């Protein structure tokens, strides 16, 4: 009986570790990391030609993109009784952080109509 207990515990531990490994390899995490990197690079390019009065703000925005956590993002649409998680992958297409809903990126999933 003790051997069966140990075997079941090791199987449970193995399934837990497998679940953790699968969760760490989500496609949307790569999309968010890449968007944050692209946005920070874009701001760095603007920083080089920006007047001194705007440099502090651009540096703060760059630091903000470096600190942003990789997480599932969602918008609750009360009128439809739904939750929209599209902005998890389509970073930058959130009307609260990007009111114009445009980006300078041409690659999917970051591209937007301009």
PDB file of N, CA and C in Angstrom:
ATOM      1  N   UNK A   1       0.811  -1.191   0.000  1.00  0.00           N
ATOM      2  CA  UNK A   1       0.000   0.000   0.000  1.00  0.00           C
ATOM      3  C   UNK A   1       0.859   1.261   0.000  1.00  0.00           C
ATOM      4  N   UNK A   2       1.961   1.208   0.730  1.00  0.00           N
ATOM      5  CA  UNK A   2       2.844   2.364   0.809  1.00  0.00           C
ATOM      6  C   UNK A   2       3.462   2.667  -0.553  1.00  0.00           C
ATOM      7  N   UNK A   3       3.834   1.614  -1.317  1.00  0.00           N
ATOM      8  CA  UNK A   3       4.413   1.818  -2.651  1.00  0.00           C
ATOM      9  C   UNK A   3       3.408   2.491  -3.580  1.00  0.00           C
ATOM     10  N   UNK A   4       2.161   2.095  -3.511  1.00  0.00           N
ATOM     11  CA  UNK A   4       1.124   2.704  -4.344  1.00  0.00           C
ATOM     12  C   UNK A   4       0.959   4.181  -3.971  1.00  0.00           C
ATOM     13  N   UNK A   5       1.047   4.482  -2.683  1.00  0.00           N
ATOM     14  CA  UNK A   5       0.945   5.860  -2.221  1.00  0.00           C
ATOM     15  C   UNK A   5       2.086   6.706  -2.794  1.00  0.00           C
ATOM     16  N   UNK A   6       3.313   6.193  -2.729  1.00  0.00           N
ATOM     17  CA  UNK A   6       4.468   6.914  -3.268  1.00  0.00           C
ATOM     18  C   UNK A   6       4.354   7.096  -4.778  1.00  0.00           C
ATOM     19  N   UNK A   7       3.955   6.068  -5.460  1.00  0.00           N
ATOM     20  CA  UNK A   7       3.820   6.149  -6.920  1.00  0.00           C
ATOM     21  C   UNK A   7       2.767   7.187  -7.298  1.00  0.00           C
ATOM     22  N   UNK A   8       1.633   7.177  -6.626  1.00  0.00           N
ATOM     23  CA  UNK A   8       0.588   8.157  -6.917  1.00  0.00           C
ATOM     24  C   UNK A   8       1.047   9.585  -6.613  1.00  0.00           C
ATOM     25  N   UNK A   9       1.818   9.745  -5.538  1.00  0.00           N
ATOM     26  CA  UNK A   9       2.339  11.076  -5.218  1.00  0.00           C
ATOM     27  C   UNK A   9       3.307  11.572  -6.295  1.00  0.00           C
ATOM     28  N   UNK A  10       4.185  10.683  -6.782  1.00  0.00           N
ATOM     29  CA  UNK A  10       5.116  11.079  -7.843  1.00  0.00           C
ATOM     30  C   UNK A  10       4.369  11.377  -9.146  1.00  0.00           C
ATOM     31  N   UNK A  11       3.319  10.629  -9.440  1.00  0.00           N
ATOM     32  CA  UNK A  11       2.514  10.915 -10.628  1.00  0.00           C
ATOM     33  C   UNK A  11       1.806  12.264 -10.494  1.00  0.00           C
ATOM     34  N   UNK A  12       1.296  12.545  -9.312  1.00  0.00           N
ATOM     35  CA  UNK A  12       0.650  13.827  -9.069  1.00  0.00           C
ATOM     36  C   UNK A  12       1.652  14.978  -9.215  1.00  0.00           C
ATOM     37  N   UNK A  13       2.839  14.820  -8.653  1.00  0.00           N
ATOM     38  CA  UNK A  13       3.886  15.833  -8.784  1.00  0.00           C
ATOM     39  C   UNK A  13       4.268  16.019 -10.250  1.00  0.00           C
ATOM     40  N   UNK A  14       4.407  14.914 -10.986  1.00  0.00           N
ATOM     41  CA  UNK A  14       4.746  14.998 -12.399  1.00  0.00           C
ATOM     42  C   UNK A  14       3.687  15.729 -13.205  1.00  0.00           C
ATOM     43  N   UNK A  15       2.421  15.453 -12.920  1.00  0.00           N
ATOM     44  CA  UNK A  15       1.348  16.139 -13.654  1.00  0.00           C
ATOM     45  C   UNK A  15       1.311  17.622 -13.295  1.00  0.00           C
ATOM     46  N   UNK A  16       1.609  17.970 -12.056  1.00  0.00           N
ATOM     47  CA  UNK A  16       1.669  19.368 -11.650  1.00  0.00           C
ATOM     48  C   UNK A  16       2.801  20.095 -12.375  1.00  0.00           C
ATOM     49  N   UNK A  17       3.979  19.478 -12.442  1.00  0.00           N
ATOM     50  CA  UNK A  17       5.116  20.083 -13.137  1.00  0.00           C
ATOM     51  C   UNK A  17       4.843  20.204 -14.633  1.00  0.00           C
ATOM     52  N   UNK A  18       4.168  19.220 -15.214  1.00  0.00           N
ATOM     53  CA  UNK A  18       3.813  19.292 -16.638  1.00  0.00           C
ATOM     54  C   UNK A  18       2.848  20.453 -16.890  1.00  0.00           C
ATOM     55  N   UNK A  19       1.893  20.640 -15.995  1.00  0.00           N
ATOM     56  CA  UNK A  19       0.934  21.748 -16.134  1.00  0.00           C
ATOM     57  C   UNK A  19       1.648  23.098 -16.051  1.00  0.00           C
ATOM     58  N   UNK A  20       2.619  23.213 -15.159  1.00  0.00           N
ATOM     59  CA  UNK A  20       3.399  24.453 -15.052  1.00  0.00           C
ATOM     60  C   UNK A  20       4.192  24.713 -16.325  1.00  0.00           C
ATOM     61  N   UNK A  21       4.816  23.676 -16.868  1.00  0.00           N
ATOM     62  CA  UNK A  21       5.608  23.826 -18.095  1.00  0.00           C
ATOM     63  C   UNK A  21       4.727  24.241 -19.263  1.00  0.00           C
ATOM     64  N   UNK A  22       3.557  23.641 -19.378  1.00  0.00           N
ATOM     65  CA  UNK A  22       2.637  23.984 -20.469  1.00  0.00           C
ATOM     66  C   UNK A  22       2.166  25.430 -20.331  1.00  0.00           C
ATOM     67  N   UNK A  23       1.893  25.864 -19.111  1.00  0.00           N
ATOM     68  CA  UNK A  23       1.406  27.219 -18.889  1.00  0.00           C
ATOM     69  C   UNK A  23       2.471  28.269 -19.182  1.00  0.00           C
ATOM     70  N   UNK A  24       3.727  27.950 -18.998  1.00  0.00           N
ATOM     71  CA  UNK A  24       4.796  28.905 -19.252  1.00  0.00           C
ATOM     72  C   UNK A  24       5.025  29.146 -20.741  1.00  0.00           C
ATOM     73  N   UNK A  25       4.570  28.255 -21.580  1.00  0.00           N
ATOM     74  CA  UNK A  25       4.823  28.337 -23.020  1.00  0.00           C
ATOM     75  C   UNK A  25       3.551  28.739 -23.773  1.00  0.00           C
ATOM     76  N   UNK A  26       2.989  29.872 -23.428  1.00  0.00           N
ATOM     77  CA  UNK A  26       1.780  30.358 -24.086  1.00  0.00           C
ATOM     78  C   UNK A  26       2.154  31.341 -25.192  1.00  0.00           C
ATOM     79  N   UNK A  27       1.472  31.241 -26.310  1.00  0.00           N
ATOM     80  CA  UNK A  27       1.778  32.060 -27.478  1.00  0.00           C
ATOM     81  C   UNK A  27       1.583  33.555 -27.200  1.00  0.00           C
ATOM     82  N   UNK A  28       0.575  33.892 -26.431  1.00  0.00           N
ATOM     83  CA  UNK A  28       0.290  35.298 -26.180  1.00  0.00           C
ATOM     84  C   UNK A  28       1.389  35.986 -25.395  1.00  0.00           C
ATOM     85  N   UNK A  29       2.150  35.253 -24.605  1.00  0.00           N
ATOM     86  CA  UNK A  29       3.241  35.859 -23.840  1.00  0.00           C
ATOM     87  C   UNK A  29       4.312  36.408 -24.770  1.00  0.00           C
ATOM     88  N   UNK A  30       4.614  35.644 -25.823  1.00  0.00           N
ATOM     89  CA  UNK A  30       5.602  36.104 -26.796  1.00  0.00           C
ATOM     90  C   UNK A  30       5.125  37.352 -27.520  1.00  0.00           C
ATOM     91  N   UNK A  31       3.823  37.403 -27.852  1.00  0.00           N
ATOM     92  CA  UNK A  31       3.271  38.576 -28.531  1.00  0.00           C
ATOM     93  C   UNK A  31       3.395  39.824 -27.667  1.00  0.00           C
ATOM     94  N   UNK A  32       3.067  39.704 -26.396  1.00  0.00           N
ATOM     95  CA  UNK A  32       3.156  40.870 -25.513  1.00  0.00           C
ATOM     96  C   UNK A  32       4.597  41.323 -25.337  1.00  0.00           C
ATOM     97  N   UNK A  33       5.500  40.376 -25.113  1.00  0.00           N
ATOM     98  CA  UNK A  33       6.912  40.742 -24.949  1.00  0.00           C
ATOM     99  C   UNK A  33       7.426  41.460 -26.187  1.00  0.00           C
ATOM    100  N   UNK A  34       7.071  40.943 -27.361  1.00  0.00           N
ATOM    101  CA  UNK A  34       7.538  41.553 -28.605  1.00  0.00           C
ATOM    102  C   UNK A  34       6.934  42.941 -28.772  1.00  0.00           C
ATOM    103  N   UNK A  35       5.660  43.119 -28.471  1.00  0.00           N
ATOM    104  CA  UNK A  35       5.035  44.435 -28.599  1.00  0.00           C
ATOM    105  C   UNK A  35       5.712  45.438 -27.669  1.00  0.00           C
ATOM    106  N   UNK A  36       5.950  45.060 -26.427  1.00  0.00           N
ATOM    107  CA  UNK A  36       6.601  45.971 -25.491  1.00  0.00           C
ATOM    108  C   UNK A  36       7.999  46.343 -25.984  1.00  0.00           C
ATOM    109  N   UNK A  37       8.713  45.373 -26.528  1.00  0.00           N
ATOM    110  CA  UNK A  37      10.054  45.634 -27.055  1.00  0.00           C
ATOM    111  C   UNK A  37       9.987  46.579 -28.266  1.00  0.00           C
ATOM    112  N   UNK A  38       9.053  46.314 -29.195  1.00  0.00           N
ATOM    113  CA  UNK A  38       8.910  47.168 -30.377  1.00  0.00           C
ATOM    114  C   UNK A  38       8.515  48.596 -29.989  1.00  0.00           C
ATOM    115  N   UNK A  39       7.620  48.721 -29.048  1.00  0.00           N
ATOM    116  CA  UNK A  39       7.168  50.050 -28.618  1.00  0.00           C
ATOM    117  C   UNK A  39       8.307  50.808 -27.940  1.00  0.00           C
ATOM    118  N   UNK A  40       9.098  50.128 -27.120  1.00  0.00           N
ATOM    119  CA  UNK A  40      10.233  50.780 -26.461  1.00  0.00           C
ATOM    120  C   UNK A  40      11.271  51.217 -27.501  1.00  0.00           C
ATOM    121  N   UNK A  41      11.521  50.383 -28.508  1.00  0.00           N
ATOM    122  CA  UNK A  41      12.459  50.754 -29.576  1.00  0.00           C
ATOM    123  C   UNK A  41      11.954  51.960 -30.353  1.00  0.00           C
ATOM    124  N   UNK A  42      10.667  51.994 -30.632  1.00  0.00           N
ATOM    125  CA  UNK A  42      10.065  53.124 -31.341  1.00  0.00           C
ATOM    126  C   UNK A  42      10.227  54.407 -30.531  1.00  0.00           C
ATOM    127  N   UNK A  43      10.005  54.314 -29.241  1.00  0.00           N
ATOM    128  CA  UNK A  43      10.157  55.493 -28.384  1.00  0.00           C
ATOM    129  C   UNK A  43      11.619  55.921 -28.282  1.00  0.00           C
ATOM    130  N   UNK A  44      12.551  54.956 -28.287  1.00  0.00           N
ATOM    131  CA  UNK A  44      13.976  55.301 -28.265  1.00  0.00           C
ATOM    132  C   UNK A  44      14.370  56.077 -29.519  1.00  0.00           C
ATOM    133  N   UNK A  45      13.808  55.691 -30.659  1.00  0.00           N
ATOM    134  CA  UNK A  45      14.079  56.412 -31.909  1.00  0.00           C
ATOM    135  C   UNK A  45      13.548  57.844 -31.825  1.00  0.00           C
ATOM    136  N   UNK A  46      12.365  58.014 -31.261  1.00  0.00           N
ATOM    137  CA  UNK A  46      11.804  59.353 -31.086  1.00  0.00           C
ATOM    138  C   UNK A  46      12.642  60.176 -30.114  1.00  0.00           C
ATOM    139  N   UNK A  47      13.209  59.497 -29.116  1.00  0.00           N
ATOM    140  CA  UNK A  47      14.001  60.174 -28.095  1.00  0.00           C
ATOM    141  C   UNK A  47      15.232  60.842 -28.697  1.00  0.00           C
ATOM    142  N   UNK A  48      15.821  60.214 -29.705  1.00  0.00           N
ATOM    143  CA  UNK A  48      17.043  60.750 -30.315  1.00  0.00           C
ATOM    144  C   UNK A  48      16.813  62.103 -30.975  1.00  0.00           C
ATOM    145  N   UNK A  49      15.626  62.321 -31.528  1.00  0.00           N
ATOM    146  CA  UNK A  49      15.349  63.568 -32.237  1.00  0.00           C
ATOM    147  C   UNK A  49      14.422  64.506 -31.466  1.00  0.00           C
ATOM    148  N   UNK A  50      14.025  64.106 -30.282  1.00  0.00           N
ATOM    149  CA  UNK A  50      13.065  64.900 -29.505  1.00  0.00           C
ATOM    150  C   UNK A  50      13.737  66.115 -28.880  1.00  0.00           C
ATOM    151  N   UNK A  51      12.977  67.186 -28.725  1.00  0.00           N
ATOM    152  CA  UNK A  51      13.518  68.348 -28.004  1.00  0.00           C
ATOM    153  C   UNK A  51      13.708  68.010 -26.517  1.00  0.00           C
ATOM    154  N   UNK A  52      14.541  68.765 -25.862  1.00  0.00           N
ATOM    155  CA  UNK A  52      14.861  68.505 -24.450  1.00  0.00           C
ATOM    156  C   UNK A  52      13.620  68.504 -23.564  1.00  0.00           C
ATOM    157  N   UNK A  53      12.628  69.280 -23.914  1.00  0.00           N
ATOM    158  CA  UNK A  53      11.421  69.366 -23.078  1.00  0.00           C
ATOM    159  C   UNK A  53      10.625  68.060 -23.075  1.00  0.00           C
ATOM    160  N   UNK A  54      10.778  67.233 -24.099  1.00  0.00           N
ATOM    161  CA  UNK A  54      10.019  65.982 -24.194  1.00  0.00           C
ATOM    162  C   UNK A  54      10.832  64.748 -23.796  1.00  0.00           C
ATOM    163  N   UNK A  55      12.129  64.893 -23.636  1.00  0.00           N
ATOM    164  CA  UNK A  55      12.974  63.728 -23.375  1.00  0.00           C
ATOM    165  C   UNK A  55      12.648  63.025 -22.066  1.00  0.00           C
ATOM    166  N   UNK A  56      12.342  63.765 -21.036  1.00  0.00           N
ATOM    167  CA  UNK A  56      12.028  63.144 -19.742  1.00  0.00           C
ATOM    168  C   UNK A  56      10.767  62.297 -19.838  1.00  0.00           C
ATOM    169  N   UNK A  57       9.759  62.815 -20.551  1.00  0.00           N
ATOM    170  CA  UNK A  57       8.515  62.068 -20.707  1.00  0.00           C
ATOM    171  C   UNK A  57       8.731  60.802 -21.533  1.00  0.00           C
ATOM    172  N   UNK A  58       9.515  60.910 -22.598  1.00  0.00           N
ATOM    173  CA  UNK A  58       9.801  59.729 -23.425  1.00  0.00           C
ATOM    174  C   UNK A  58      10.590  58.682 -22.647  1.00  0.00           C
ATOM    175  N   UNK A  59      11.535  59.109 -21.833  1.00  0.00           N
ATOM    176  CA  UNK A  59      12.292  58.173 -20.999  1.00  0.00           C
ATOM    177  C   UNK A  59      11.372  57.464 -20.010  1.00  0.00           C
ATOM    178  N   UNK A  60      10.412  58.186 -19.457  1.00  0.00           N
ATOM    179  CA  UNK A  60       9.460  57.578 -18.523  1.00  0.00           C
ATOM    180  C   UNK A  60       8.581  56.551 -19.242  1.00  0.00           C
ATOM    181  N   UNK A  61       8.175  56.862 -20.473  1.00  0.00           N
ATOM    182  CA  UNK A  61       7.368  55.912 -21.242  1.00  0.00           C
ATOM    183  C   UNK A  61       8.164  54.654 -21.578  1.00  0.00           C
ATOM    184  N   UNK A  62       9.437  54.815 -21.928  1.00  0.00           N
ATOM    185  CA  UNK A  62      10.289  53.660 -22.218  1.00  0.00           C
ATOM    186  C   UNK A  62      10.417  52.784 -20.977  1.00  0.00           C
ATOM    187  N   UNK A  63      10.673  53.417 -19.836  1.00  0.00           N
ATOM    188  CA  UNK A  63      10.779  52.666 -18.582  1.00  0.00           C
ATOM    189  C   UNK A  63       9.467  51.953 -18.263  1.00  0.00           C
ATOM    190  N   UNK A  64       8.342  52.594 -18.576  1.00  0.00           N
ATOM    191  CA  UNK A  64       7.038  51.979 -18.331  1.00  0.00           C
ATOM    192  C   UNK A  64       6.867  50.709 -19.154  1.00  0.00           C
ATOM    193  N   UNK A  65       7.283  50.732 -20.419  1.00  0.00           N
ATOM    194  CA  UNK A  65       7.163  49.537 -21.255  1.00  0.00           C
ATOM    195  C   UNK A  65       8.085  48.419 -20.781  1.00  0.00           C
ATOM    196  N   UNK A  66       9.219  48.775 -20.211  1.00  0.00           N
ATOM    197  CA  UNK A  66      10.135  47.749 -19.702  1.00  0.00           C
ATOM    198  C   UNK A  66       9.594  47.086 -18.435  1.00  0.00           C
ATOM    199  N   UNK A  67       8.783  47.829 -17.664  1.00  0.00           N
ATOM    200  CA  UNK A  67       8.243  47.303 -16.402  1.00  0.00           C
ATOM    201  C   UNK A  67       6.917  46.584 -16.544  1.00  0.00           C
ATOM    202  N   UNK A  68       6.251  46.719 -17.665  1.00  0.00           N
ATOM    203  CA  UNK A  68       4.903  46.148 -17.808  1.00  0.00           C
ATOM    204  C   UNK A  68       4.923  44.633 -17.679  1.00  0.00           C
ATOM    205  N   UNK A  69       4.006  44.100 -16.902  1.00  0.00           N
ATOM    206  CA  UNK A  69       3.961  42.643 -16.741  1.00  0.00           C
ATOM    207  C   UNK A  69       3.317  41.971 -17.954  1.00  0.00           C
ATOM    208  N   UNK A  70       3.721  40.751 -18.196  1.00  0.00           N
ATOM    209  CA  UNK A  70       3.111  39.931 -19.240  1.00  0.00           C
ATOM    210  C   UNK A  70       1.946  39.218 -18.572  1.00  0.00           C
ATOM    211  N   UNK A  71       0.733  39.548 -19.004  1.00  0.00           N
ATOM    212  CA  UNK A  71      -0.453  39.023 -18.336  1.00  0.00           C
ATOM    213  C   UNK A  71      -1.625  38.967 -19.306  1.00  0.00           C
ATOM    214  N   UNK A  72      -2.635  38.220 -18.932  1.00  0.00           N
ATOM    215  CA  UNK A  72      -3.864  38.190 -19.721  1.00  0.00           C
ATOM    216  C   UNK A  72      -4.598  39.504 -19.469  1.00  0.00           C
ATOM    217  N   UNK A  73      -4.962  40.158 -20.550  1.00  0.00           N
ATOM    218  CA  UNK A  73      -5.674  41.436 -20.452  1.00  0.00           C
ATOM    219  C   UNK A  73      -7.088  41.231 -20.978  1.00  0.00           C
ATOM    220  N   UNK A  74      -8.033  41.896 -20.353  1.00  0.00           N
ATOM    221  CA  UNK A  74      -9.411  41.727 -20.782  1.00  0.00           C
ATOM    222  C   UNK A  74     -10.212  42.995 -20.559  1.00  0.00           C
ATOM    223  N   UNK A  75     -11.251  43.104 -21.373  1.00  0.00           N
ATOM    224  CA  UNK A  75     -12.205  44.199 -21.256  1.00  0.00           C
ATOM    225  C   UNK A  75     -13.566  43.558 -21.021  1.00  0.00           C
ATOM    226  N   UNK A  76     -14.261  44.008 -20.008  1.00  0.00           N
ATOM    227  CA  UNK A  76     -15.596  43.482 -19.722  1.00  0.00           C
ATOM    228  C   UNK A  76     -16.610  44.336 -20.479  1.00  0.00           C
ATOM    229  N   UNK A  77     -17.366  43.708 -21.375  1.00  0.00           N
ATOM    230  CA  UNK A  77     -18.369  44.399 -22.176  1.00  0.00           C
ATOM    231  C   UNK A  77     -19.732  44.099 -21.551  1.00  0.00           C
ATOM    232  N   UNK A  78     -20.170  44.987 -20.697  1.00  0.00           N
ATOM    233  CA  UNK A  78     -21.426  44.781 -19.967  1.00  0.00           C
ATOM    234  C   UNK A  78     -22.632  44.682 -20.898  1.00  0.00           C
ATOM    235  N   UNK A  79     -22.660  45.502 -21.936  1.00  0.00           N
ATOM    236  CA  UNK A  79     -23.805  45.514 -22.852  1.00  0.00           C
ATOM    237  C   UNK A  79     -24.030  44.157 -23.510  1.00  0.00           C
ATOM    238  N   UNK A  80     -22.952  43.455 -23.796  1.00  0.00           N
ATOM    239  CA  UNK A  80     -23.056  42.166 -24.459  1.00  0.00           C
ATOM    240  C   UNK A  80     -22.992  40.992 -23.488  1.00  0.00           C
ATOM    241  N   UNK A  81     -22.652  41.274 -22.251  1.00  0.00           N
ATOM    242  CA  UNK A  81     -22.512  40.206 -21.268  1.00  0.00           C
ATOM    243  C   UNK A  81     -21.323  39.308 -21.600  1.00  0.00           C
ATOM    244  N   UNK A  82     -20.256  39.907 -22.107  1.00  0.00           N
ATOM    245  CA  UNK A  82     -19.087  39.144 -22.543  1.00  0.00           C
ATOM    246  C   UNK A  82     -17.802  39.748 -21.992  1.00  0.00           C
ATOM    247  N   UNK A  83     -16.759  38.953 -22.094  1.00  0.00           N
ATOM    248  CA  UNK A  83     -15.420  39.396 -21.751  1.00  0.00           C
ATOM    249  C   UNK A  83     -14.569  39.286 -23.003  1.00  0.00           C
ATOM    250  N   UNK A  84     -13.889  40.365 -23.360  1.00  0.00           N
ATOM    251  CA  UNK A  84     -13.052  40.409 -24.559  1.00  0.00           C
ATOM    252  C   UNK A  84     -11.591  40.335 -24.142  1.00  0.00           C
ATOM    253  N   UNK A  85     -10.914  39.293 -24.572  1.00  0.00           N
ATOM    254  CA  UNK A  85      -9.497  39.117 -24.251  1.00  0.00           C
ATOM    255  C   UNK A  85      -8.606  39.289 -25.479  1.00  0.00           C
ATOM    256  N   UNK A  86      -9.134  39.881 -26.529  1.00  0.00           N
ATOM    257  CA  UNK A  86      -8.376  40.058 -27.775  1.00  0.00           C
ATOM    258  C   UNK A  86      -7.106  40.873 -27.556  1.00  0.00           C
ATOM    259  N   UNK A  87      -7.169  41.849 -26.651  1.00  0.00           N
ATOM    260  CA  UNK A  87      -6.023  42.721 -26.450  1.00  0.00           C
ATOM    261  C   UNK A  87      -4.870  42.017 -25.744  1.00  0.00           C
ATOM    262  N   UNK A  88      -5.074  40.786 -25.328  1.00  0.00           N
ATOM    263  CA  UNK A  88      -3.968  40.016 -24.762  1.00  0.00           C
ATOM    264  C   UNK A  88      -2.901  39.799 -25.825  1.00  0.00           C
ATOM    265  N   UNK A  89      -3.302  39.414 -27.031  1.00  0.00           N
ATOM    266  CA  UNK A  89      -2.363  39.223 -28.143  1.00  0.00           C
ATOM    267  C   UNK A  89      -2.205  40.489 -28.973  1.00  0.00           C
ATOM    268  N   UNK A  90      -3.312  41.175 -29.216  1.00  0.00           N
ATOM    269  CA  UNK A  90      -3.297  42.377 -30.042  1.00  0.00           C
ATOM    270  C   UNK A  90      -2.990  43.580 -29.154  1.00  0.00           C
ATOM    271  N   UNK A  91      -1.795  43.546 -28.583  1.00  0.00           N
ATOM    272  CA  UNK A  91      -1.372  44.602 -27.669  1.00  0.00           C
ATOM    273  C   UNK A  91      -1.350  45.933 -28.414  1.00  0.00           C
ATOM    274  N   UNK A  92      -1.747  46.982 -27.752  1.00  0.00           N
ATOM    275  CA  UNK A  92      -1.795  48.297 -28.371  1.00  0.00           C
ATOM    276  C   UNK A  92      -3.129  48.596 -29.018  1.00  0.00           C
ATOM    277  N   UNK A  93      -4.031  47.658 -29.045  1.00  0.00           N
ATOM    278  CA  UNK A  93      -5.352  47.874 -29.629  1.00  0.00           C
ATOM    279  C   UNK A  93      -6.398  48.060 -28.541  1.00  0.00           C
ATOM    280  N   UNK A  94      -5.969  48.568 -27.436  1.00  0.00           N
ATOM    281  CA  UNK A  94      -6.847  48.868 -26.307  1.00  0.00           C
ATOM    282  C   UNK A  94      -7.214  50.347 -26.378  1.00  0.00           C
ATOM    283  N   UNK A  95      -8.478  50.661 -26.423  1.00  0.00           N
ATOM    284  CA  UNK A  95      -8.902  52.053 -26.590  1.00  0.00           C
ATOM    285  C   UNK A  95      -8.539  52.924 -25.398  1.00  0.00           C
ATOM    286  N   UNK A  96      -8.197  52.332 -24.263  1.00  0.00           N
ATOM    287  CA  UNK A  96      -7.819  53.124 -23.102  1.00  0.00           C
ATOM    288  C   UNK A  96      -6.349  53.524 -23.157  1.00  0.00           C
ATOM    289  N   UNK A  97      -5.488  52.638 -23.635  1.00  0.00           N
ATOM    290  CA  UNK A  97      -4.061  52.951 -23.721  1.00  0.00           C
ATOM    291  C   UNK A  97      -3.681  53.524 -25.079  1.00  0.00           C
ATOM    292  N   UNK A  98      -4.514  53.305 -26.104  1.00  0.00           N
ATOM    293  CA  UNK A  98      -4.244  53.803 -27.453  1.00  0.00           C
ATOM    294  C   UNK A  98      -5.562  54.330 -28.049  1.00  0.00           C
ATOM    295  N   UNK A  99      -5.997  55.514 -27.649  1.00  0.00           N
ATOM    296  CA  UNK A  99      -7.298  56.020 -28.095  1.00  0.00           C
ATOM    297  C   UNK A  99      -7.445  56.132 -29.615  1.00  0.00           C
ATOM    298  N   UNK A 100      -6.351  56.367 -30.335  1.00  0.00           N
ATOM    299  CA  UNK A 100      -6.445  56.506 -31.792  1.00  0.00           C
ATOM    300  C   UNK A 100      -6.575  55.155 -32.487  1.00  0.00           C
ATOM    301  N   UNK A 101      -6.286  54.074 -31.777  1.00  0.00           N
ATOM    302  CA  UNK A 101      -6.355  52.706 -32.319  1.00  0.00           C
ATOM    303  C   UNK A 101      -5.506  52.548 -33.569  1.00  0.00           C
ATOM    304  N   UNK A 102      -4.369  53.233 -33.621  1.00  0.00           N
ATOM    305  CA  UNK A 102      -3.433  53.099 -34.727  1.00  0.00           C
ATOM    306  C   UNK A 102      -2.057  52.798 -34.157  1.00  0.00           C
ATOM    307  N   UNK A 103      -1.267  52.091 -34.938  1.00  0.00           N
ATOM    308  CA  UNK A 103       0.120  51.823 -34.573  1.00  0.00           C
ATOM    309  C   UNK A 103       0.984  51.994 -35.810  1.00  0.00           C
ATOM    310  N   UNK A 104       2.262  52.118 -35.597  1.00  0.00           N
ATOM    311  CA  UNK A 104       3.188  52.215 -36.719  1.00  0.00           C
ATOM    312  C   UNK A 104       3.699  50.856 -37.152  1.00  0.00           C
ATOM    313  N   UNK A 105       3.174  49.802 -36.581  1.00  0.00           N
ATOM    314  CA  UNK A 105       3.666  48.462 -36.861  1.00  0.00           C
ATOM    315  C   UNK A 105       2.879  47.830 -38.004  1.00  0.00           C
ATOM    316  N   UNK A 106       3.563  47.102 -38.856  1.00  0.00           N
ATOM    317  CA  UNK A 106       2.929  46.458 -40.011  1.00  0.00           C
ATOM    318  C   UNK A 106       2.700  44.963 -39.790  1.00  0.00           C
ATOM    319  N   UNK A 107       3.334  44.393 -38.790  1.00  0.00           N
ATOM    320  CA  UNK A 107       3.292  42.948 -38.551  1.00  0.00           C
ATOM    321  C   UNK A 107       2.081  42.559 -37.708  1.00  0.00           C
ATOM    322  N   UNK A 108       1.465  41.458 -38.073  1.00  0.00           N
ATOM    323  CA  UNK A 108       0.354  40.903 -37.303  1.00  0.00           C
ATOM    324  C   UNK A 108       0.909  40.319 -36.013  1.00  0.00           C
ATOM    325  N   UNK A 109       0.347  40.488 -34.873  1.00  0.00           N
ATOM    326  CA  UNK A 109      -0.955  41.017 -34.520  1.00  0.00           C
ATOM    327  C   UNK A 109      -0.916  42.478 -34.073  1.00  0.00           C
ATOM    328  N   UNK A 110       0.152  43.200 -34.404  1.00  0.00           N
ATOM    329  CA  UNK A 110       0.287  44.577 -33.932  1.00  0.00           C
ATOM    330  C   UNK A 110      -0.193  45.615 -34.930  1.00  0.00           C
ATOM    331  N   UNK A 111      -0.444  45.214 -36.166  1.00  0.00           N
ATOM    332  CA  UNK A 111      -0.844  46.152 -37.214  1.00  0.00           C
ATOM    333  C   UNK A 111      -2.250  46.680 -36.951  1.00  0.00           C
ATOM    334  N   UNK A 112      -2.464  47.907 -37.416  1.00  0.00           N
ATOM    335  CA  UNK A 112      -3.788  48.525 -37.294  1.00  0.00           C
ATOM    336  C   UNK A 112      -4.048  49.353 -38.546  1.00  0.00           C
ATOM    337  N   UNK A 113      -5.290  49.596 -38.830  1.00  0.00           N
ATOM    338  CA  UNK A 113      -5.631  50.471 -39.954  1.00  0.00           C
ATOM    339  C   UNK A 113      -5.166  51.870 -39.626  1.00  0.00           C
ATOM    340  N   UNK A 114      -4.539  52.498 -40.576  1.00  0.00           N
ATOM    341  CA  UNK A 114      -4.045  53.856 -40.336  1.00  0.00           C
ATOM    342  C   UNK A 114      -4.674  54.846 -41.261  1.00  0.00           C
TER     343      UNK A 114
END
